[in-house]
Protein backbone atom coordinates (compact mmCIF):
# COMPACT_ATOMS: atom_id res chain seq x y z
CA MET A 1 90.10 88.14 105.53
CA SER A 2 89.02 91.63 104.64
CA VAL A 3 86.21 93.71 103.21
CA ASP A 4 86.51 97.17 101.63
CA ILE A 5 84.09 100.03 102.29
CA LYS A 6 83.96 103.43 100.62
CA VAL A 7 83.35 106.20 103.16
CA ARG A 8 80.13 108.04 102.28
CA GLY A 9 78.71 111.35 103.44
CA TYR A 10 76.22 109.68 105.76
CA HIS A 11 79.12 108.09 107.69
CA LEU A 12 80.40 111.53 108.73
CA ASP A 13 79.76 113.66 111.79
CA ILE A 14 79.76 117.45 112.15
CA TYR A 15 83.57 117.43 112.04
CA HIS A 16 83.47 115.92 108.53
CA HIS A 17 85.12 112.64 109.47
CA VAL A 18 83.66 109.21 110.21
CA ASN A 19 81.65 109.25 113.41
CA ASN A 20 83.09 106.97 116.10
CA GLY A 21 79.87 104.92 116.26
CA ARG A 22 80.09 104.09 112.56
CA TYR A 23 83.28 102.14 113.15
CA LEU A 24 81.25 99.62 115.14
CA GLU A 25 79.09 99.12 112.04
CA PHE A 26 82.17 98.79 109.83
CA LEU A 27 83.61 96.19 112.19
CA GLU A 28 80.31 94.32 112.24
CA GLU A 29 80.32 94.23 108.43
CA GLY A 30 83.83 92.77 108.61
CA ARG A 31 82.74 90.06 111.05
CA TRP A 32 79.69 89.09 108.99
CA ASP A 33 81.81 88.86 105.87
CA TYR A 34 84.39 86.79 107.75
CA PHE A 35 81.80 84.32 109.03
CA ASP A 36 80.00 84.18 105.66
CA ARG A 37 83.24 83.20 103.92
CA HIS A 38 83.76 80.40 106.44
CA GLN A 39 80.08 79.36 106.35
CA PHE A 40 80.17 79.67 110.12
CA ILE A 41 76.66 81.16 110.34
CA GLN A 42 75.24 78.01 108.76
CA LEU A 43 77.10 75.95 111.37
CA PHE A 44 75.64 78.14 114.14
CA GLU A 45 72.12 77.78 112.80
CA ALA A 46 72.43 74.01 112.35
CA GLN A 47 73.40 73.73 116.03
CA ASN A 48 70.78 76.28 117.19
CA LEU A 49 73.52 78.73 118.21
CA ALA A 50 73.89 82.48 117.81
CA PHE A 51 77.02 84.64 117.74
CA VAL A 52 76.80 87.34 120.43
CA VAL A 53 79.29 90.17 120.99
CA ALA A 54 80.14 90.52 124.68
CA ASN A 55 82.77 93.29 124.49
CA ILE A 56 84.50 95.52 121.97
CA ASN A 57 87.67 97.38 122.86
CA ILE A 58 88.40 99.84 120.04
CA SER A 59 91.22 102.32 119.56
CA TYR A 60 90.87 105.18 117.09
CA ARG A 61 94.18 106.07 115.41
CA ARG A 62 93.34 108.47 112.54
CA PRO A 63 90.14 110.00 111.13
CA ALA A 64 88.65 108.65 107.91
CA TYR A 65 87.05 111.05 105.44
CA ALA A 66 84.41 110.99 102.69
CA GLY A 67 85.65 109.38 99.50
CA GLU A 68 88.35 107.31 101.16
CA VAL A 69 88.23 103.54 100.90
CA ILE A 70 88.93 101.60 104.04
CA ARG A 71 89.73 97.92 104.48
CA ILE A 72 88.41 96.03 107.48
CA SER A 73 90.48 92.94 108.22
CA THR A 74 89.35 90.28 110.66
CA ARG A 75 91.07 87.29 112.19
CA MET A 76 90.38 84.88 115.01
CA GLU A 77 92.76 85.43 117.93
CA LYS A 78 91.95 82.98 120.72
CA ILE A 79 89.28 80.65 122.01
CA GLY A 80 88.31 80.12 125.63
CA ASN A 81 85.71 77.83 127.16
CA LYS A 82 82.73 80.19 126.80
CA SER A 83 84.14 83.10 124.81
CA ALA A 84 86.54 83.81 121.97
CA GLN A 85 88.34 86.87 120.67
CA MET A 86 88.77 88.32 117.22
CA VAL A 87 91.14 91.10 116.20
CA GLN A 88 90.00 93.65 113.63
CA GLU A 89 91.81 96.47 111.91
CA VAL A 90 90.52 99.35 109.81
CA ARG A 91 93.15 100.63 107.38
CA LEU A 92 93.18 103.23 104.64
CA LEU A 93 93.30 101.63 101.19
CA GLU A 94 95.80 103.44 98.97
CA ASN A 95 96.82 102.21 95.52
CA GLY A 96 95.17 98.87 96.24
CA GLU A 97 97.14 98.32 99.44
CA ALA A 98 96.03 98.59 103.06
CA SER A 99 98.28 101.23 104.61
CA THR A 100 97.64 103.69 107.43
CA LEU A 101 95.97 102.23 110.52
CA ILE A 102 92.72 104.07 111.23
CA ALA A 103 91.32 101.93 114.07
CA ASP A 104 91.85 98.54 115.66
CA ALA A 105 89.67 96.48 117.96
CA VAL A 106 89.56 93.33 120.03
CA VAL A 107 86.10 91.78 119.92
CA THR A 108 85.07 89.22 122.54
CA PHE A 109 82.10 87.05 121.66
CA CYS A 110 80.27 84.04 122.95
CA LEU A 111 77.94 81.47 121.50
CA MET A 112 74.38 81.54 122.77
CA ASP A 113 71.78 78.80 122.67
CA SER A 114 68.99 80.31 120.54
CA GLU A 115 66.24 78.70 122.62
CA THR A 116 67.48 79.34 126.17
CA GLN A 117 69.21 82.66 125.32
CA LYS A 118 72.15 81.57 127.51
CA ALA A 119 75.85 81.38 126.68
CA VAL A 120 77.09 77.87 126.02
CA PRO A 121 80.58 76.36 126.01
CA ILE A 122 82.47 76.59 122.74
CA GLU A 123 82.87 72.94 121.88
CA GLY A 124 82.34 70.34 119.18
CA ASN A 125 82.21 71.40 115.54
CA ALA A 126 82.04 75.11 116.39
CA ARG A 127 85.27 74.90 118.38
CA ALA A 128 86.99 72.81 115.70
CA VAL A 129 86.15 75.36 113.02
CA LEU A 130 87.33 78.29 115.17
CA GLU A 131 90.59 76.47 115.96
CA THR A 132 91.17 75.86 112.25
CA MET A 133 90.77 79.60 111.63
CA ILE A 134 93.49 80.35 114.20
CA GLU A 135 95.81 77.69 112.78
CA ASP A 136 95.33 79.02 109.24
CA GLY A 137 95.86 82.60 110.40
CA LEU A 138 92.39 83.55 109.22
């Protein structure tokens, strides 16, 4: 699954390329889009759960500049007992195709009980949906 974003002037730093912190926002947009398409947020809310990022390990490969269009792709990688990992890539979009790798990240998240604010095991319907995403390569 992917979402495209046009790089705007307000994304840039004094060096005229996308500021490193903006990539975290781009990746977050990709995750929200990913979960929206799978209606996973509704599943979280129905079970009184929240999606919480625990760690992001990001590698910057090439600068992105104003006017370029980038594609953020997201896929589920693995599921543990209390956390899961997603892999995300930011690529330059050229002639309608995702080409040059700009950044990639491994995002570790957990599910939190909205009332207790504590991480909970990934089980039941939430786990089944996440496992389906891995099986389908989504």
